[in-house]
Amino acid sequence: AGSANGAGSNAQFDFPAAVAFDTA
């Protein structure tokens, strides 16, 4: 768990709970 920004495994989340896409 973490809050790092980045690509692939360099990114970190802390219990991500939802995902959505916009029209773009």
PDB file of all heavy atoms in Angstrom:
ATOM      1  N   ALA A   1       0.843  -1.195   0.000  1.00  0.00           N
ATOM      2  CA  ALA A   1       0.000   0.000   0.000  1.00  0.00           C
ATOM      3  C   ALA A   1       0.878   1.245   0.000  1.00  0.00           C
ATOM      4  O   ALA A   1       1.885   1.310   0.694  1.00  0.00           O
ATOM      5  CB  ALA A   1      -0.908   0.006   1.224  1.00  0.00           C
ATOM      6  N   GLY A   2       0.512   2.223  -0.820  1.00  0.00           N
ATOM      7  CA  GLY A   2       1.260   3.473  -0.887  1.00  0.00           C
ATOM      8  C   GLY A   2       0.496   4.477  -1.720  1.00  0.00           C
ATOM      9  O   GLY A   2      -0.649   4.234  -2.118  1.00  0.00           O
ATOM     10  N   SER A   3       1.134   5.592  -2.007  1.00  0.00           N
ATOM     11  CA  SER A   3       0.464   6.646  -2.780  1.00  0.00           C
ATOM     12  C   SER A   3       1.320   7.144  -3.937  1.00  0.00           C
ATOM     13  O   SER A   3       1.046   8.195  -4.498  1.00  0.00           O
ATOM     14  CB  SER A   3       0.116   7.817  -1.862  1.00  0.00           C
ATOM     15  OG  SER A   3       1.288   8.360  -1.254  1.00  0.00           O
ATOM     16  N   ALA A   4       2.346   6.389  -4.299  1.00  0.00           N
ATOM     17  CA  ALA A   4       3.282   6.835  -5.327  1.00  0.00           C
ATOM     18  C   ALA A   4       2.618   6.913  -6.690  1.00  0.00           C
ATOM     19  O   ALA A   4       1.816   6.053  -7.063  1.00  0.00           O
ATOM     20  CB  ALA A   4       4.480   5.894  -5.389  1.00  0.00           C
ATOM     21  N   ASN A   5       2.960   7.952  -7.439  1.00  0.00           N
ATOM     22  CA  ASN A   5       2.575   8.069  -8.831  1.00  0.00           C
ATOM     23  C   ASN A   5       3.623   7.397  -9.710  1.00  0.00           C
ATOM     24  O   ASN A   5       4.802   7.329  -9.341  1.00  0.00           O
ATOM     25  CB  ASN A   5       2.435   9.539  -9.232  1.00  0.00           C
ATOM     26  CG  ASN A   5       1.290  10.226  -8.517  1.00  0.00           C
ATOM     27  OD1 ASN A   5       0.256   9.620  -8.281  1.00  0.00           O
ATOM     28  ND2 ASN A   5       1.472  11.483  -8.165  1.00  0.00           N
ATOM     29  N   GLY A   6       3.204   6.921 -10.883  1.00  0.00           N
ATOM     30  CA  GLY A   6       4.162   6.308 -11.789  1.00  0.00           C
ATOM     31  C   GLY A   6       3.495   5.325 -12.716  1.00  0.00           C
ATOM     32  O   GLY A   6       2.267   5.189 -12.741  1.00  0.00           O
ATOM     33  N   ALA A   7       4.311   4.638 -13.484  1.00  0.00           N
ATOM     34  CA  ALA A   7       3.819   3.675 -14.470  1.00  0.00           C
ATOM     35  C   ALA A   7       3.935   2.261 -13.929  1.00  0.00           C
ATOM     36  O   ALA A   7       4.912   1.917 -13.259  1.00  0.00           O
ATOM     37  CB  ALA A   7       4.612   3.797 -15.769  1.00  0.00           C
ATOM     38  N   GLY A   8       2.934   1.442 -14.221  1.00  0.00           N
ATOM     39  CA  GLY A   8       2.984   0.041 -13.843  1.00  0.00           C
ATOM     40  C   GLY A   8       3.181  -0.150 -12.356  1.00  0.00           C
ATOM     41  O   GLY A   8       2.480   0.421 -11.533  1.00  0.00           O
ATOM     42  N   SER A   9       4.172  -0.963 -11.990  1.00  0.00           N
ATOM     43  CA  SER A   9       4.415  -1.272 -10.579  1.00  0.00           C
ATOM     44  C   SER A   9       5.040  -0.113  -9.812  1.00  0.00           C
ATOM     45  O   SER A   9       5.180  -0.194  -8.588  1.00  0.00           O
ATOM     46  CB  SER A   9       5.302  -2.520 -10.469  1.00  0.00           C
ATOM     47  OG  SER A   9       6.555  -2.290 -11.087  1.00  0.00           O
ATOM     48  N   ASN A  10       5.407   0.962 -10.494  1.00  0.00           N
ATOM     49  CA  ASN A  10       5.900   2.142  -9.786  1.00  0.00           C
ATOM     50  C   ASN A  10       4.760   2.923  -9.137  1.00  0.00           C
ATOM     51  O   ASN A  10       4.996   3.718  -8.227  1.00  0.00           O
ATOM     52  CB  ASN A  10       6.674   3.056 -10.738  1.00  0.00           C
ATOM     53  CG  ASN A  10       7.992   2.461 -11.167  1.00  0.00           C
ATOM     54  OD1 ASN A  10       8.692   1.843 -10.359  1.00  0.00           O
ATOM     55  ND2 ASN A  10       8.342   2.605 -12.430  1.00  0.00           N
ATOM     56  N   ALA A  11       3.544   2.714  -9.637  1.00  0.00           N
ATOM     57  CA  ALA A  11       2.377   3.331  -9.009  1.00  0.00           C
ATOM     58  C   ALA A  11       1.963   2.508  -7.798  1.00  0.00           C
ATOM     59  O   ALA A  11       2.143   1.288  -7.772  1.00  0.00           O
ATOM     60  CB  ALA A  11       1.223   3.407 -10.002  1.00  0.00           C
ATOM     61  N   GLN A  12       1.425   3.176  -6.799  1.00  0.00           N
ATOM     62  CA  GLN A  12       0.942   2.476  -5.616  1.00  0.00           C
ATOM     63  C   GLN A  12      -0.433   3.008  -5.231  1.00  0.00           C
ATOM     64  O   GLN A  12      -0.742   4.185  -5.419  1.00  0.00           O
ATOM     65  CB  GLN A  12       1.921   2.639  -4.450  1.00  0.00           C
ATOM     66  CG  GLN A  12       3.254   1.947  -4.669  1.00  0.00           C
ATOM     67  CD  GLN A  12       4.220   2.160  -3.517  1.00  0.00           C
ATOM     68  OE1 GLN A  12       3.883   2.738  -2.495  1.00  0.00           O
ATOM     69  NE2 GLN A  12       5.449   1.687  -3.702  1.00  0.00           N
ATOM     70  N   PHE A  13      -1.254   2.096  -4.687  1.00  0.00           N
ATOM     71  CA  PHE A  13      -2.595   2.427  -4.222  1.00  0.00           C
ATOM     72  C   PHE A  13      -2.733   2.019  -2.754  1.00  0.00           C
ATOM     73  O   PHE A  13      -1.935   1.240  -2.235  1.00  0.00           O
ATOM     74  CB  PHE A  13      -3.654   1.673  -5.034  1.00  0.00           C
ATOM     75  CG  PHE A  13      -3.609   1.925  -6.517  1.00  0.00           C
ATOM     76  CD1 PHE A  13      -2.929   1.064  -7.368  1.00  0.00           C
ATOM     77  CD2 PHE A  13      -4.266   3.011  -7.076  1.00  0.00           C
ATOM     78  CE1 PHE A  13      -2.896   1.275  -8.744  1.00  0.00           C
ATOM     79  CE2 PHE A  13      -4.238   3.240  -8.443  1.00  0.00           C
ATOM     80  CZ  PHE A  13      -3.553   2.374  -9.271  1.00  0.00           C
ATOM     81  N   ASP A  14      -3.798   2.504  -2.122  1.00  0.00           N
ATOM     82  CA  ASP A  14      -4.149   2.083  -0.774  1.00  0.00           C
ATOM     83  C   ASP A  14      -5.630   1.728  -0.772  1.00  0.00           C
ATOM     84  O   ASP A  14      -6.494   2.572  -0.606  1.00  0.00           O
ATOM     85  CB  ASP A  14      -3.858   3.191   0.239  1.00  0.00           C
ATOM     86  CG  ASP A  14      -3.989   2.706   1.677  1.00  0.00           C
ATOM     87  OD1 ASP A  14      -4.441   1.568   1.888  1.00  0.00           O
ATOM     88  OD2 ASP A  14      -3.652   3.475   2.599  1.00  0.00           O
ATOM     89  N   PHE A  15      -5.923   0.475  -1.016  1.00  0.00           N
ATOM     90  CA  PHE A  15      -7.264  -0.077  -1.154  1.00  0.00           C
ATOM     91  C   PHE A  15      -8.080   0.670  -2.205  1.00  0.00           C
ATOM     92  O   PHE A  15      -9.073   1.342  -1.904  1.00  0.00           O
ATOM     93  CB  PHE A  15      -8.012  -0.090   0.185  1.00  0.00           C
ATOM     94  CG  PHE A  15      -9.073  -1.167   0.237  1.00  0.00           C
ATOM     95  CD1 PHE A  15      -8.740  -2.469   0.563  1.00  0.00           C
ATOM     96  CD2 PHE A  15     -10.385  -0.888  -0.085  1.00  0.00           C
ATOM     97  CE1 PHE A  15      -9.700  -3.475   0.594  1.00  0.00           C
ATOM     98  CE2 PHE A  15     -11.363  -1.883  -0.059  1.00  0.00           C
ATOM     99  CZ  PHE A  15     -11.017  -3.175   0.287  1.00  0.00           C
ATOM    100  N   PRO A  16      -7.691   0.544  -3.465  1.00  0.00           N
ATOM    101  CA  PRO A  16      -8.491   1.124  -4.540  1.00  0.00           C
ATOM    102  C   PRO A  16      -9.828   0.408  -4.632  1.00  0.00           C
ATOM    103  O   PRO A  16      -9.879  -0.826  -4.622  1.00  0.00           O
ATOM    104  CB  PRO A  16      -7.634   0.881  -5.785  1.00  0.00           C
ATOM    105  CG  PRO A  16      -6.851  -0.354  -5.458  1.00  0.00           C
ATOM    106  CD  PRO A  16      -6.565  -0.269  -3.980  1.00  0.00           C
ATOM    107  N   ALA A  17     -10.934   1.174  -4.731  1.00  0.00           N
ATOM    108  CA  ALA A  17     -12.251   0.549  -4.575  1.00  0.00           C
ATOM    109  C   ALA A  17     -13.156   0.663  -5.787  1.00  0.00           C
ATOM    110  O   ALA A  17     -14.155  -0.046  -5.860  1.00  0.00           O
ATOM    111  CB  ALA A  17     -12.967   1.141  -3.354  1.00  0.00           C
ATOM    112  N   ALA A  18     -12.874   1.553  -6.721  1.00  0.00           N
ATOM    113  CA  ALA A  18     -13.746   1.698  -7.891  1.00  0.00           C
ATOM    114  C   ALA A  18     -12.931   2.205  -9.064  1.00  0.00           C
ATOM    115  O   ALA A  18     -11.924   2.898  -8.885  1.00  0.00           O
ATOM    116  CB  ALA A  18     -14.906   2.655  -7.592  1.00  0.00           C
ATOM    117  N   VAL A  19     -13.396   1.879 -10.280  1.00  0.00           N
ATOM    118  CA  VAL A  19     -12.721   2.320 -11.493  1.00  0.00           C
ATOM    119  C   VAL A  19     -13.772   2.657 -12.534  1.00  0.00           C
ATOM    120  O   VAL A  19     -14.808   1.995 -12.629  1.00  0.00           O
ATOM    121  CB  VAL A  19     -11.738   1.240 -12.008  1.00  0.00           C
ATOM    122  CG1 VAL A  19     -12.465  -0.066 -12.278  1.00  0.00           C
ATOM    123  CG2 VAL A  19     -10.983   1.708 -13.238  1.00  0.00           C
ATOM    124  N   ALA A  20     -13.519   3.736 -13.293  1.00  0.00           N
ATOM    125  CA  ALA A  20     -14.462   4.160 -14.337  1.00  0.00           C
ATOM    126  C   ALA A  20     -13.697   4.863 -15.442  1.00  0.00           C
ATOM    127  O   ALA A  20     -12.549   5.299 -15.253  1.00  0.00           O
ATOM    128  CB  ALA A  20     -15.535   5.089 -13.758  1.00  0.00           C
ATOM    129  N   PHE A  21     -14.353   4.994 -16.607  1.00  0.00           N
ATOM    130  CA  PHE A  21     -13.759   5.654 -17.763  1.00  0.00           C
ATOM    131  C   PHE A  21     -14.672   6.787 -18.220  1.00  0.00           C
ATOM    132  O   PHE A  21     -15.900   6.671 -18.158  1.00  0.00           O
ATOM    133  CB  PHE A  21     -13.574   4.669 -18.920  1.00  0.00           C
ATOM    134  CG  PHE A  21     -12.548   3.619 -18.662  1.00  0.00           C
ATOM    135  CD1 PHE A  21     -12.871   2.468 -17.963  1.00  0.00           C
ATOM    136  CD2 PHE A  21     -11.241   3.781 -19.108  1.00  0.00           C
ATOM    137  CE1 PHE A  21     -11.925   1.490 -17.720  1.00  0.00           C
ATOM    138  CE2 PHE A  21     -10.285   2.809 -18.869  1.00  0.00           C
ATOM    139  CZ  PHE A  21     -10.621   1.666 -18.168  1.00  0.00           C
ATOM    140  N   ASP A  22     -14.056   7.875 -18.715  1.00  0.00           N
ATOM    141  CA  ASP A  22     -14.863   8.922 -19.329  1.00  0.00           C
ATOM    142  C   ASP A  22     -14.934   8.689 -20.836  1.00  0.00           C
ATOM    143  O   ASP A  22     -14.324   7.759 -21.374  1.00  0.00           O
ATOM    144  CB  ASP A  22     -14.358  10.321 -18.965  1.00  0.00           C
ATOM    145  CG  ASP A  22     -12.975  10.638 -19.522  1.00  0.00           C
ATOM    146  OD1 ASP A  22     -12.518   9.927 -20.449  1.00  0.00           O
ATOM    147  OD2 ASP A  22     -12.354  11.609 -19.050  1.00  0.00           O
ATOM    148  N   THR A  23     -15.682   9.548 -21.530  1.00  0.00           N
ATOM    149  CA  THR A  23     -15.893   9.347 -22.969  1.00  0.00           C
ATOM    150  C   THR A  23     -14.625   9.571 -23.778  1.00  0.00           C
ATOM    151  O   THR A  23     -14.532   9.141 -24.929  1.00  0.00           O
ATOM    152  CB  THR A  23     -16.996  10.287 -23.481  1.00  0.00           C
ATOM    153  OG1 THR A  23     -16.677  11.639 -23.104  1.00  0.00           O
ATOM    154  CG2 THR A  23     -18.343   9.911 -22.881  1.00  0.00           C
ATOM    155  N   ALA A  24     -13.622  10.238 -23.198  1.00  0.00           N
ATOM    156  CA  ALA A  24     -12.347  10.431 -23.883  1.00  0.00           C
ATOM    157  C   ALA A  24     -11.389   9.268 -23.659  1.00  0.00           C
ATOM    158  O   ALA A  24     -10.294   9.244 -24.226  1.00  0.00           O
ATOM    159  CB  ALA A  24     -11.687  11.732 -23.417  1.00  0.00           C
TER     160      ALA A  24
END
